[in-house]
Protein backbone atom coordinates (compact mmCIF):
# COMPACT_ATOMS: atom_id res chain seq x y z
CA GLN A 1 36.39 -1.01 -184.04
CA LEU A 2 36.54 -2.78 -187.37
CA GLN A 3 34.35 -5.87 -187.61
CA LEU A 4 33.77 -8.37 -190.41
CA VAL A 5 30.88 -10.81 -190.07
CA GLU A 6 30.33 -13.64 -192.54
CA SER A 7 26.96 -15.25 -193.15
CA GLY A 8 25.23 -17.48 -195.67
CA GLY A 9 27.02 -20.74 -195.08
CA GLY A 10 25.25 -24.05 -194.69
CA LEU A 11 24.73 -27.54 -196.04
CA VAL A 12 24.12 -27.92 -199.77
CA GLN A 13 24.09 -30.82 -202.19
CA PRO A 14 26.73 -31.14 -204.91
CA GLY A 15 25.80 -28.92 -207.83
CA GLY A 16 23.94 -26.50 -205.58
CA SER A 17 24.57 -22.85 -204.82
CA LEU A 18 25.20 -20.64 -201.81
CA ARG A 19 25.72 -16.92 -201.45
CA LEU A 20 28.08 -15.82 -198.72
CA SER A 21 28.03 -12.29 -197.35
CA CYS A 22 30.69 -10.34 -195.51
CA ALA A 23 29.20 -7.41 -193.60
CA VAL A 24 31.76 -4.82 -192.56
CA SER A 25 31.37 -2.23 -189.83
CA GLY A 26 33.70 0.31 -188.34
CA LEU A 27 35.09 1.56 -191.63
CA THR A 28 34.07 2.80 -195.04
CA LEU A 29 34.41 -0.21 -197.28
CA ASP A 30 35.14 1.92 -200.35
CA TYR A 31 38.84 2.09 -199.48
CA TYR A 32 39.38 -1.56 -198.62
CA ALA A 33 40.24 -4.63 -200.63
CA VAL A 34 38.32 -7.71 -199.51
CA GLY A 35 39.35 -11.30 -199.92
CA TRP A 36 37.65 -14.62 -199.31
CA PHE A 37 39.70 -17.52 -197.96
CA ARG A 38 38.76 -21.01 -196.87
CA GLN A 39 40.20 -23.73 -194.70
CA ALA A 40 39.18 -27.36 -194.73
CA PRO A 41 39.98 -29.71 -191.83
CA GLY A 42 43.59 -30.80 -191.95
CA LYS A 43 44.42 -28.47 -194.82
CA GLU A 44 46.13 -25.11 -195.11
CA ARG A 45 44.16 -21.94 -195.62
CA GLU A 46 43.46 -21.30 -199.31
CA GLY A 47 42.66 -18.08 -201.10
CA VAL A 48 39.39 -18.17 -203.03
CA SER A 49 38.67 -14.73 -204.45
CA CYS A 50 39.28 -11.04 -203.88
CA VAL A 51 38.14 -7.63 -205.07
CA THR A 52 40.05 -4.36 -204.97
CA GLY A 53 38.81 -1.38 -203.01
CA SER A 54 37.87 0.38 -206.22
CA GLY A 55 35.97 -2.70 -207.37
CA GLY A 56 37.81 -2.49 -210.66
CA SER A 57 39.62 -5.79 -210.36
CA THR A 58 38.79 -9.26 -209.12
CA LYS A 59 40.83 -12.42 -208.77
CA TYR A 60 39.90 -16.06 -208.39
CA ALA A 61 41.69 -19.25 -207.47
CA ASP A 62 41.87 -21.67 -210.41
CA SER A 63 39.77 -24.15 -208.45
CA VAL A 64 36.75 -21.82 -208.38
CA LYS A 65 37.03 -19.90 -211.66
CA GLY A 66 33.80 -19.98 -213.61
CA ARG A 67 31.83 -21.14 -210.56
CA PHE A 68 32.29 -18.38 -207.95
CA THR A 69 31.64 -14.66 -208.36
CA ILE A 70 32.69 -11.93 -205.95
CA SER A 71 30.85 -8.63 -205.78
CA ARG A 72 30.74 -5.65 -203.49
CA ASP A 73 27.99 -3.28 -202.42
CA ASN A 74 29.78 -0.31 -200.88
CA ALA A 75 26.50 1.40 -200.03
CA LYS A 76 25.71 -1.52 -197.75
CA ASN A 77 29.32 -2.12 -196.68
CA THR A 78 28.97 -5.71 -197.83
CA VAL A 79 30.87 -8.08 -200.07
CA HIS A 80 29.22 -11.20 -201.49
CA LEU A 81 30.59 -14.47 -202.80
CA GLN A 82 28.15 -16.27 -205.08
CA MET A 83 29.09 -19.93 -205.23
CA ASN A 84 27.54 -22.10 -207.95
CA SER A 85 28.09 -25.69 -209.04
CA LEU A 86 29.42 -26.53 -205.62
CA LYS A 87 31.56 -29.63 -205.18
CA PRO A 88 32.36 -31.68 -202.06
CA GLU A 89 35.91 -30.32 -202.20
CA ASP A 90 34.50 -26.83 -201.61
CA THR A 91 33.63 -27.90 -198.07
CA ALA A 92 35.47 -25.62 -195.65
CA VAL A 93 35.15 -22.72 -193.25
CA TYR A 94 35.04 -19.56 -195.35
CA TYR A 95 36.53 -16.34 -194.06
CA CYS A 96 36.48 -12.81 -195.39
CA ALA A 97 39.37 -10.45 -194.84
CA ALA A 98 39.98 -6.76 -195.47
CA GLU A 99 42.99 -4.56 -196.10
CA ALA A 100 43.18 -0.85 -196.87
CA SER A 101 43.88 -0.63 -200.59
CA LEU A 102 42.16 0.77 -203.66
CA ASP A 103 44.04 -1.05 -206.40
CA TRP A 104 45.39 -4.23 -204.83
CA CYS A 105 44.05 -7.54 -203.68
CA THR A 106 45.49 -11.04 -203.48
CA VAL A 107 44.36 -14.62 -203.04
CA VAL A 108 47.94 -15.84 -202.64
CA ASP A 109 48.74 -14.84 -199.09
CA GLY A 110 46.21 -14.15 -196.39
CA THR A 111 48.84 -12.58 -194.16
CA ASP A 112 48.59 -9.46 -196.30
CA TYR A 113 45.17 -8.78 -194.79
CA ASP A 114 44.92 -7.17 -191.39
CA TYR A 115 41.24 -7.71 -190.62
CA TRP A 116 39.38 -11.04 -190.50
CA GLY A 117 35.93 -12.33 -189.79
CA GLN A 118 35.08 -15.35 -187.66
CA GLY A 119 34.17 -17.61 -190.57
CA THR A 120 31.11 -19.45 -191.83
CA GLN A 121 30.89 -23.20 -192.48
CA VAL A 122 30.09 -24.46 -195.97
CA THR A 123 29.41 -28.16 -196.33
CA VAL A 124 28.77 -29.73 -199.73
CA SER A 125 27.43 -33.24 -199.34
CA SER A 126 24.68 -35.50 -200.57
């Protein structure tokens, strides 16, 4: 059974950093694209970043470019999202998602991903 488990969320002050992790079990991560999405209260789900199965390509939403970095460690079946210079508007529940693909990933539409984690809360507040 495929499982994705997010961790690393929490409360941080504006300008601070957090590193989210998405631990995957039940499959070999090498062949899966992984995306990070977020949803704030009262707002629609928003794509944040993604990385192809090969690791050769990454994408970022304009709102996080230059601040967030996605990386994958296939040996540990884990994908990380390093979040720097956090802003209050980054507050949301963050989800990771996976889809079998070597050369594709998207932050446009989460419905393209078949597998989802349960989410981790990120709160940016002073």
